[in-house]
Amino acid sequence: MYEESTQASSEFGTTLRESHASLFAVLEDLLFDETSAPARLQRIWRGVEAALHSHLTTEEELLIPRFEQARPADAARIRGEHRQLREQLSALDAGFARELVDHEVIARLLGILRVSAASKERGLYAWAEHALRPRDKARMVDRVRANGLARAPGSATPA
């Protein structure tokens, strides 16, 4: 049981960090890409948009309700960050629908995401490492991997 618990904790933190790193990397690619055709950028955008929405929803369904019981103010702050992220996603989506790449909004989204991820790693994820049962952590890992950005164990590329 201890080995299963340790493995679930290690995998939990690694998977969430990798998911964030993948989101950062794709957004940075979009931010600094000056040469790709709008249709290519739009395809990339659709993937990252779906992955980020999935990541946020997974946290809101599996982590935040329990975290809220232990640390309501921190949970409220995270919900606020999620609202800000979704606002930026909507703004970018509107631009991409018109084949416009708004680098300013991408930069703002990336900034909010970096601050939110760092905060969650110190707060929400650290709490979850100790408060969640191994099977709950495994469920979270499975959902995050299903969004396509986190790597499966032993894989060099996203799942």
N, C-alpha and C. Protein backbone atom coordinates (compact mmCIF):
# COMPACT_ATOMS: atom_id res chain seq x y z
N MET A 1 0.82 -1.19 0.00
CA MET A 1 0.00 0.00 0.00
C MET A 1 0.87 1.26 0.00
N TYR A 2 1.96 1.26 0.77
CA TYR A 2 2.83 2.43 0.81
C TYR A 2 3.43 2.69 -0.56
N GLU A 3 3.88 1.61 -1.23
CA GLU A 3 4.48 1.78 -2.56
C GLU A 3 3.47 2.36 -3.54
N GLU A 4 2.21 1.87 -3.50
CA GLU A 4 1.15 2.39 -4.37
C GLU A 4 0.89 3.87 -4.06
N SER A 5 0.87 4.22 -2.78
CA SER A 5 0.64 5.60 -2.37
C SER A 5 1.77 6.51 -2.84
N THR A 6 3.01 6.06 -2.70
CA THR A 6 4.16 6.86 -3.12
C THR A 6 4.17 7.04 -4.63
N GLN A 7 3.87 5.96 -5.36
CA GLN A 7 3.84 6.04 -6.82
C GLN A 7 2.75 7.00 -7.27
N ALA A 8 1.56 6.93 -6.68
CA ALA A 8 0.46 7.81 -7.06
C ALA A 8 0.82 9.27 -6.80
N SER A 9 1.48 9.54 -5.67
CA SER A 9 1.87 10.91 -5.35
C SER A 9 2.89 11.43 -6.34
N SER A 10 3.91 10.63 -6.63
CA SER A 10 4.95 11.05 -7.54
C SER A 10 4.38 11.29 -8.94
N GLU A 11 3.56 10.37 -9.40
CA GLU A 11 2.95 10.47 -10.72
C GLU A 11 2.01 11.67 -10.79
N PHE A 12 1.30 11.92 -9.72
CA PHE A 12 0.36 13.04 -9.65
C PHE A 12 1.08 14.36 -9.90
N GLY A 13 2.11 14.63 -9.12
CA GLY A 13 2.85 15.88 -9.26
C GLY A 13 3.53 16.01 -10.61
N THR A 14 4.15 14.93 -11.05
CA THR A 14 4.86 14.94 -12.34
C THR A 14 3.89 15.20 -13.48
N THR A 15 2.75 14.54 -13.47
CA THR A 15 1.78 14.70 -14.55
C THR A 15 1.24 16.12 -14.61
N LEU A 16 0.92 16.71 -13.47
CA LEU A 16 0.40 18.07 -13.47
C LEU A 16 1.45 19.08 -13.92
N ARG A 17 2.69 18.90 -13.47
CA ARG A 17 3.77 19.80 -13.92
C ARG A 17 4.00 19.67 -15.42
N GLU A 18 3.99 18.44 -15.93
CA GLU A 18 4.19 18.24 -17.37
C GLU A 18 3.04 18.82 -18.19
N SER A 19 1.84 18.71 -17.67
CA SER A 19 0.69 19.30 -18.37
C SER A 19 0.86 20.82 -18.47
N HIS A 20 1.25 21.44 -17.37
CA HIS A 20 1.50 22.89 -17.39
C HIS A 20 2.63 23.23 -18.35
N ALA A 21 3.73 22.49 -18.29
CA ALA A 21 4.87 22.77 -19.16
C ALA A 21 4.48 22.65 -20.63
N SER A 22 3.67 21.65 -20.95
CA SER A 22 3.21 21.48 -22.33
C SER A 22 2.33 22.65 -22.77
N LEU A 23 1.44 23.08 -21.89
CA LEU A 23 0.60 24.24 -22.20
C LEU A 23 1.47 25.48 -22.43
N PHE A 24 2.46 25.70 -21.56
CA PHE A 24 3.35 26.85 -21.72
C PHE A 24 4.06 26.79 -23.07
N ALA A 25 4.58 25.61 -23.40
CA ALA A 25 5.35 25.46 -24.63
C ALA A 25 4.50 25.75 -25.87
N VAL A 26 3.29 25.22 -25.91
CA VAL A 26 2.43 25.44 -27.08
C VAL A 26 2.03 26.91 -27.17
N LEU A 27 1.71 27.52 -26.04
CA LEU A 27 1.35 28.94 -26.07
C LEU A 27 2.55 29.80 -26.49
N GLU A 28 3.74 29.45 -26.03
CA GLU A 28 4.94 30.19 -26.46
C GLU A 28 5.16 30.03 -27.95
N ASP A 29 4.92 28.82 -28.48
CA ASP A 29 5.04 28.62 -29.92
C ASP A 29 4.07 29.53 -30.67
N LEU A 30 2.84 29.60 -30.19
CA LEU A 30 1.86 30.49 -30.83
C LEU A 30 2.28 31.95 -30.72
N LEU A 31 2.80 32.31 -29.56
CA LEU A 31 3.17 33.70 -29.30
C LEU A 31 4.29 34.16 -30.22
N PHE A 32 5.26 33.31 -30.46
CA PHE A 32 6.44 33.73 -31.21
C PHE A 32 6.44 33.29 -32.68
N ASP A 33 5.38 32.60 -33.10
CA ASP A 33 5.30 32.15 -34.49
C ASP A 33 4.86 33.31 -35.38
N GLU A 34 5.75 33.73 -36.22
CA GLU A 34 5.46 34.85 -37.14
C GLU A 34 5.31 34.37 -38.58
N THR A 35 5.56 33.09 -38.83
CA THR A 35 5.64 32.65 -40.22
C THR A 35 4.57 31.66 -40.64
N SER A 36 3.90 30.99 -39.73
CA SER A 36 2.95 29.96 -40.09
C SER A 36 1.66 30.54 -40.64
N ALA A 37 1.03 29.76 -41.48
CA ALA A 37 -0.26 30.16 -42.04
C ALA A 37 -1.31 30.20 -40.94
N PRO A 38 -2.25 31.13 -41.03
CA PRO A 38 -3.30 31.21 -40.01
C PRO A 38 -4.05 29.90 -39.78
N ALA A 39 -4.27 29.12 -40.83
CA ALA A 39 -4.98 27.85 -40.68
C ALA A 39 -4.19 26.88 -39.79
N ARG A 40 -2.87 26.86 -39.93
CA ARG A 40 -2.03 26.00 -39.09
C ARG A 40 -2.09 26.46 -37.64
N LEU A 41 -1.98 27.76 -37.44
CA LEU A 41 -2.05 28.30 -36.08
C LEU A 41 -3.42 28.01 -35.46
N GLN A 42 -4.46 28.10 -36.26
CA GLN A 42 -5.80 27.83 -35.75
C GLN A 42 -5.93 26.37 -35.31
N ARG A 43 -5.34 25.43 -36.07
CA ARG A 43 -5.36 24.01 -35.67
C ARG A 43 -4.63 23.81 -34.34
N ILE A 44 -3.47 24.45 -34.21
CA ILE A 44 -2.72 24.36 -32.96
C ILE A 44 -3.55 24.94 -31.82
N TRP A 45 -4.16 26.08 -32.09
CA TRP A 45 -4.98 26.74 -31.08
C TRP A 45 -6.12 25.85 -30.62
N ARG A 46 -6.80 25.20 -31.52
CA ARG A 46 -7.94 24.33 -31.16
C ARG A 46 -7.48 23.24 -30.18
N GLY A 47 -6.31 22.69 -30.42
CA GLY A 47 -5.80 21.66 -29.53
C GLY A 47 -5.49 22.18 -28.14
N VAL A 48 -4.80 23.32 -28.08
CA VAL A 48 -4.44 23.87 -26.77
C VAL A 48 -5.68 24.38 -26.03
N GLU A 49 -6.61 24.95 -26.77
CA GLU A 49 -7.85 25.44 -26.13
C GLU A 49 -8.61 24.29 -25.49
N ALA A 50 -8.77 23.19 -26.23
CA ALA A 50 -9.49 22.03 -25.68
C ALA A 50 -8.75 21.45 -24.47
N ALA A 51 -7.43 21.37 -24.57
CA ALA A 51 -6.64 20.81 -23.47
C ALA A 51 -6.74 21.68 -22.22
N LEU A 52 -6.67 22.99 -22.40
CA LEU A 52 -6.74 23.88 -21.23
C LEU A 52 -8.13 23.85 -20.60
N HIS A 53 -9.17 23.86 -21.43
CA HIS A 53 -10.53 23.74 -20.87
C HIS A 53 -10.68 22.44 -20.09
N SER A 54 -10.16 21.35 -20.65
CA SER A 54 -10.24 20.05 -19.98
C SER A 54 -9.48 20.06 -18.66
N HIS A 55 -8.29 20.67 -18.66
CA HIS A 55 -7.47 20.75 -17.45
C HIS A 55 -8.22 21.53 -16.35
N LEU A 56 -8.78 22.67 -16.72
CA LEU A 56 -9.51 23.49 -15.76
C LEU A 56 -10.72 22.74 -15.21
N THR A 57 -11.47 22.11 -16.09
CA THR A 57 -12.66 21.36 -15.68
C THR A 57 -12.29 20.21 -14.76
N THR A 58 -11.21 19.52 -15.07
CA THR A 58 -10.77 18.41 -14.23
C THR A 58 -10.44 18.90 -12.82
N GLU A 59 -9.71 20.01 -12.73
CA GLU A 59 -9.41 20.56 -11.40
C GLU A 59 -10.68 20.96 -10.67
N GLU A 60 -11.60 21.58 -11.39
CA GLU A 60 -12.85 22.05 -10.78
C GLU A 60 -13.74 20.91 -10.32
N GLU A 61 -13.68 19.80 -11.01
CA GLU A 61 -14.52 18.66 -10.64
C GLU A 61 -13.88 17.75 -9.59
N LEU A 62 -12.57 17.54 -9.69
CA LEU A 62 -11.93 16.53 -8.85
C LEU A 62 -11.14 17.09 -7.67
N LEU A 63 -10.63 18.30 -7.77
CA LEU A 63 -9.77 18.82 -6.70
C LEU A 63 -10.39 19.96 -5.91
N ILE A 64 -10.84 20.96 -6.60
CA ILE A 64 -11.24 22.21 -5.93
C ILE A 64 -12.37 22.02 -4.92
N PRO A 65 -13.41 21.22 -5.19
CA PRO A 65 -14.46 21.07 -4.17
C PRO A 65 -13.92 20.55 -2.82
N ARG A 66 -12.99 19.62 -2.86
CA ARG A 66 -12.42 19.10 -1.60
C ARG A 66 -11.46 20.11 -0.99
N PHE A 67 -10.69 20.78 -1.84
CA PHE A 67 -9.76 21.81 -1.37
C PHE A 67 -10.52 22.94 -0.69
N GLU A 68 -11.66 23.26 -1.24
CA GLU A 68 -12.50 24.34 -0.71
C GLU A 68 -12.91 24.09 0.74
N GLN A 69 -13.11 22.84 1.08
CA GLN A 69 -13.47 22.49 2.46
C GLN A 69 -12.33 22.79 3.42
N ALA A 70 -11.10 22.60 2.96
CA ALA A 70 -9.93 22.81 3.82
C ALA A 70 -9.43 24.25 3.76
N ARG A 71 -9.47 24.86 2.56
CA ARG A 71 -8.91 26.20 2.37
C ARG A 71 -9.80 27.02 1.45
N PRO A 72 -10.94 27.49 1.97
CA PRO A 72 -11.93 28.16 1.12
C PRO A 72 -11.41 29.43 0.42
N ALA A 73 -10.60 30.22 1.06
CA ALA A 73 -10.10 31.44 0.43
C ALA A 73 -9.18 31.11 -0.75
N ASP A 74 -8.32 30.11 -0.58
CA ASP A 74 -7.43 29.70 -1.67
C ASP A 74 -8.23 29.11 -2.83
N ALA A 75 -9.25 28.34 -2.51
CA ALA A 75 -10.09 27.76 -3.56
C ALA A 75 -10.82 28.86 -4.32
N ALA A 76 -11.30 29.88 -3.64
CA ALA A 76 -11.97 31.00 -4.30
C ALA A 76 -11.01 31.74 -5.23
N ARG A 77 -9.77 31.90 -4.79
CA ARG A 77 -8.76 32.56 -5.64
C ARG A 77 -8.52 31.76 -6.90
N ILE A 78 -8.43 30.44 -6.77
CA ILE A 78 -8.21 29.58 -7.94
C ILE A 78 -9.40 29.66 -8.89
N ARG A 79 -10.60 29.66 -8.35
CA ARG A 79 -11.78 29.80 -9.22
C ARG A 79 -11.74 31.13 -9.97
N GLY A 80 -11.26 32.18 -9.31
CA GLY A 80 -11.10 33.47 -9.97
C GLY A 80 -10.06 33.41 -11.09
N GLU A 81 -8.95 32.73 -10.84
CA GLU A 81 -7.93 32.55 -11.88
C GLU A 81 -8.51 31.80 -13.07
N HIS A 82 -9.32 30.78 -12.78
CA HIS A 82 -9.94 30.01 -13.86
C HIS A 82 -10.87 30.89 -14.69
N ARG A 83 -11.59 31.78 -14.04
CA ARG A 83 -12.46 32.72 -14.79
C ARG A 83 -11.62 33.61 -15.69
N GLN A 84 -10.52 34.12 -15.16
CA GLN A 84 -9.63 34.96 -15.98
C GLN A 84 -9.07 34.18 -17.16
N LEU A 85 -8.67 32.95 -16.95
CA LEU A 85 -8.14 32.12 -18.03
C LEU A 85 -9.21 31.90 -19.10
N ARG A 86 -10.43 31.61 -18.66
CA ARG A 86 -11.51 31.39 -19.63
C ARG A 86 -11.84 32.67 -20.41
N GLU A 87 -11.74 33.81 -19.77
CA GLU A 87 -11.96 35.08 -20.48
C GLU A 87 -10.93 35.26 -21.59
N GLN A 88 -9.68 34.96 -21.29
CA GLN A 88 -8.62 35.08 -22.30
C GLN A 88 -8.82 34.03 -23.41
N LEU A 89 -9.24 32.83 -23.03
CA LEU A 89 -9.52 31.80 -24.03
C LEU A 89 -10.61 32.26 -24.99
N SER A 90 -11.67 32.87 -24.44
CA SER A 90 -12.76 33.37 -25.29
C SER A 90 -12.28 34.47 -26.22
N ALA A 91 -11.46 35.36 -25.71
CA ALA A 91 -10.93 36.45 -26.55
C ALA A 91 -10.07 35.89 -27.67
N LEU A 92 -9.23 34.94 -27.36
CA LEU A 92 -8.39 34.33 -28.39
C LEU A 92 -9.23 33.55 -29.40
N ASP A 93 -10.22 32.83 -28.90
CA ASP A 93 -11.07 32.05 -29.79
C ASP A 93 -11.76 32.95 -30.80
N ALA A 94 -12.24 34.10 -30.35
CA ALA A 94 -12.89 35.04 -31.26
C ALA A 94 -11.92 35.52 -32.33
N GLY A 95 -10.69 35.78 -31.95
CA GLY A 95 -9.67 36.20 -32.92
C GLY A 95 -9.33 35.10 -33.90
N PHE A 96 -9.11 33.89 -33.40
CA PHE A 96 -8.78 32.78 -34.28
C PHE A 96 -9.92 32.47 -35.25
N ALA A 97 -11.16 32.67 -34.80
CA ALA A 97 -12.31 32.45 -35.69
C ALA A 97 -12.25 33.39 -36.90
N ARG A 98 -11.63 34.55 -36.73
CA ARG A 98 -11.46 35.52 -37.82
C ARG A 98 -10.06 35.42 -38.43
N GLU A 99 -9.34 34.35 -38.08
CA GLU A 99 -7.97 34.12 -38.54
C GLU A 99 -7.02 35.25 -38.14
N LEU A 100 -7.26 35.80 -36.95
CA LEU A 100 -6.39 36.82 -36.38
C LEU A 100 -5.68 36.23 -35.16
N VAL A 101 -4.39 36.43 -35.10
CA VAL A 101 -3.61 35.96 -33.97
C VAL A 101 -3.27 37.18 -33.11
N ASP A 102 -3.88 37.24 -31.93
CA ASP A 102 -3.65 38.38 -31.04
C ASP A 102 -2.55 38.01 -30.05
N HIS A 103 -1.32 38.41 -30.38
CA HIS A 103 -0.17 38.05 -29.55
C HIS A 103 -0.26 38.65 -28.15
N GLU A 104 -0.89 39.78 -28.04
CA GLU A 104 -1.04 40.41 -26.72
C GLU A 104 -1.91 39.55 -25.80
N VAL A 105 -2.99 39.01 -26.36
CA VAL A 105 -3.88 38.16 -25.55
C VAL A 105 -3.19 36.83 -25.23
N ILE A 106 -2.43 36.29 -26.18
CA ILE A 106 -1.68 35.06 -25.91
C ILE A 106 -0.70 35.30 -24.77
N ALA A 107 0.00 36.42 -24.81
CA ALA A 107 0.96 36.75 -23.75
C ALA A 107 0.25 36.90 -22.41
N ARG A 108 -0.91 37.53 -22.41
CA ARG A 108 -1.67 37.70 -21.17
C ARG A 108 -2.13 36.34 -20.63
N LEU A 109 -2.64 35.48 -21.53
CA LEU A 109 -3.06 34.14 -21.13
C LEU A 109 -1.88 33.37 -20.54
N LEU A 110 -0.76 33.42 -21.21
CA LEU A 110 0.44 32.72 -20.75
C LEU A 110 0.88 33.23 -19.37
N GLY A 111 0.84 34.53 -19.17
CA GLY A 111 1.20 35.11 -17.88
C GLY A 111 0.28 34.65 -16.76
N ILE A 112 -1.03 34.70 -17.01
CA ILE A 112 -2.00 34.26 -16.00
C ILE A 112 -1.80 32.78 -15.70
N LEU A 113 -1.59 31.99 -16.75
CA LEU A 113 -1.40 30.55 -16.59
C LEU A 113 -0.15 30.25 -15.78
N ARG A 114 0.95 30.96 -16.03
CA ARG A 114 2.19 30.72 -15.28
C ARG A 114 2.01 31.04 -13.79
N VAL A 115 1.38 32.17 -13.50
CA VAL A 115 1.15 32.55 -12.10
C VAL A 115 0.23 31.54 -11.42
N SER A 116 -0.83 31.17 -12.11
CA SER A 116 -1.78 30.21 -11.55
C SER A 116 -1.12 28.86 -11.30
N ALA A 117 -0.35 28.38 -12.26
CA ALA A 117 0.31 27.08 -12.11
C ALA A 117 1.28 27.08 -10.92
N ALA A 118 2.07 28.14 -10.80
CA ALA A 118 3.03 28.22 -9.69
C ALA A 118 2.29 28.24 -8.36
N SER A 119 1.22 28.99 -8.31
CA SER A 119 0.43 29.09 -7.08
C SER A 119 -0.20 27.73 -6.73
N LYS A 120 -0.72 27.04 -7.73
CA LYS A 120 -1.35 25.74 -7.48
C LYS A 120 -0.32 24.70 -7.05
N GLU A 121 0.86 24.75 -7.62
CA GLU A 121 1.89 23.78 -7.22
C GLU A 121 2.24 23.94 -5.74
N ARG A 122 2.26 25.18 -5.27
CA ARG A 122 2.58 25.42 -3.85
C ARG A 122 1.37 25.18 -2.95
N GLY A 123 0.17 25.37 -3.45
CA GLY A 123 -1.03 25.28 -2.61
C GLY A 123 -1.88 24.06 -2.89
N LEU A 124 -2.67 24.13 -3.95
CA LEU A 124 -3.63 23.08 -4.27
C LEU A 124 -2.96 21.72 -4.45
N TYR A 125 -1.92 21.66 -5.28
CA TYR A 125 -1.31 20.37 -5.57
C TYR A 125 -0.56 19.82 -4.37
N ALA A 126 0.10 20.68 -3.61
CA ALA A 126 0.79 20.23 -2.40
C ALA A 126 -0.23 19.67 -1.41
N TRP A 127 -1.35 20.35 -1.27
CA TRP A 127 -2.42 19.86 -0.39
C TRP A 127 -2.93 18.51 -0.88
N ALA A 128 -3.18 18.41 -2.19
CA ALA A 128 -3.75 17.18 -2.76
C ALA A 128 -2.80 16.00 -2.59
N GLU A 129 -1.50 16.24 -2.69
CA GLU A 129 -0.52 15.16 -2.52
C GLU A 129 -0.74 14.44 -1.19
N HIS A 130 -1.10 15.19 -0.15
CA HIS A 130 -1.26 14.61 1.19
C HIS A 130 -2.70 14.28 1.53
N ALA A 131 -3.65 15.00 0.96
CA ALA A 131 -5.05 14.84 1.36
C ALA A 131 -5.82 13.80 0.54
N LEU A 132 -5.42 13.58 -0.70
CA LEU A 132 -6.17 12.66 -1.55
C LEU A 132 -5.69 11.23 -1.40
N ARG A 133 -6.61 10.32 -1.57
CA ARG A 133 -6.27 8.89 -1.57
C ARG A 133 -5.57 8.57 -2.89
N PRO A 134 -4.75 7.52 -2.90
CA PRO A 134 -4.05 7.15 -4.14
C PRO A 134 -4.98 6.98 -5.34
N ARG A 135 -6.14 6.36 -5.13
CA ARG A 135 -7.04 6.16 -6.28
C ARG A 135 -7.61 7.48 -6.79
N ASP A 136 -7.79 8.47 -5.91
CA ASP A 136 -8.26 9.79 -6.36
C ASP A 136 -7.18 10.51 -7.16
N LYS A 137 -5.92 10.36 -6.72
CA LYS A 137 -4.81 10.95 -7.47
C LYS A 137 -4.68 10.27 -8.83
N ALA A 138 -4.83 8.96 -8.85
CA ALA A 138 -4.74 8.22 -10.12
C ALA A 138 -5.85 8.65 -11.08
N ARG A 139 -7.02 8.89 -10.56
CA ARG A 139 -8.13 9.37 -11.40
C ARG A 139 -7.81 10.74 -12.00
N MET A 140 -7.23 11.60 -11.19
CA MET A 140 -6.84 12.93 -11.67
C MET A 140 -5.78 12.79 -12.76
N VAL A 141 -4.79 11.96 -12.53
CA VAL A 141 -3.72 11.73 -13.51
C VAL A 141 -4.32 11.23 -14.83
N ASP A 142 -5.24 10.28 -14.75
CA ASP A 142 -5.87 9.74 -15.97
C ASP A 142 -6.61 10.82 -16.74
N ARG A 143 -7.34 11.67 -16.03
CA ARG A 143 -8.10 12.74 -16.69
C ARG A 143 -7.16 13.76 -17.32
N VAL A 144 -6.08 14.13 -16.63
CA VAL A 144 -5.15 15.11 -17.19
C VAL A 144 -4.45 14.53 -18.42
N ARG A 145 -4.07 13.28 -18.35
CA ARG A 145 -3.42 12.65 -19.51
C ARG A 145 -4.37 12.55 -20.69
N ALA A 146 -5.65 12.35 -20.41
CA ALA A 146 -6.63 12.21 -21.49
C ALA A 146 -6.74 13.49 -22.33
N ASN A 147 -6.32 14.63 -21.77
CA ASN A 147 -6.40 15.88 -22.54
C ASN A 147 -5.31 15.96 -23.59
N GLY A 148 -4.36 15.02 -23.58
CA GLY A 148 -3.39 14.92 -24.65
C GLY A 148 -2.10 15.70 -24.47
N LEU A 149 -1.94 16.43 -23.37
CA LEU A 149 -0.72 17.22 -23.21
C LEU A 149 0.28 16.61 -22.24
N ALA A 150 -0.18 15.87 -21.25
CA ALA A 150 0.74 15.26 -20.29
C ALA A 150 1.29 13.96 -20.87
N ARG A 151 2.51 13.61 -20.48
CA ARG A 151 3.14 12.40 -21.00
C ARG A 151 2.73 11.18 -20.18
N ALA A 152 2.61 10.07 -20.87
CA ALA A 152 2.43 8.79 -20.19
C ALA A 152 3.78 8.36 -19.65
N PRO A 153 3.82 7.52 -18.58
CA PRO A 153 5.11 7.11 -18.02
C PRO A 153 6.00 6.48 -19.08
N GLY A 154 7.27 6.89 -19.11
CA GLY A 154 8.24 6.36 -20.04
C GLY A 154 8.13 6.89 -21.45
N SER A 155 7.24 7.82 -21.68
CA SER A 155 7.04 8.37 -23.02
C SER A 155 7.78 9.69 -23.17
N ALA A 156 8.32 9.93 -24.34
CA ALA A 156 9.01 11.18 -24.61
C ALA A 156 8.07 12.23 -25.20
N THR A 157 6.89 11.80 -25.60
CA THR A 157 5.94 12.73 -26.20
C THR A 157 4.63 12.70 -25.43
N PRO A 158 3.84 13.76 -25.56
CA PRO A 158 2.55 13.76 -24.88
C PRO A 158 1.69 12.57 -25.29
N ALA A 159 0.84 12.14 -24.36
CA ALA A 159 -0.03 10.99 -24.62
C ALA A 159 -1.06 11.33 -25.69
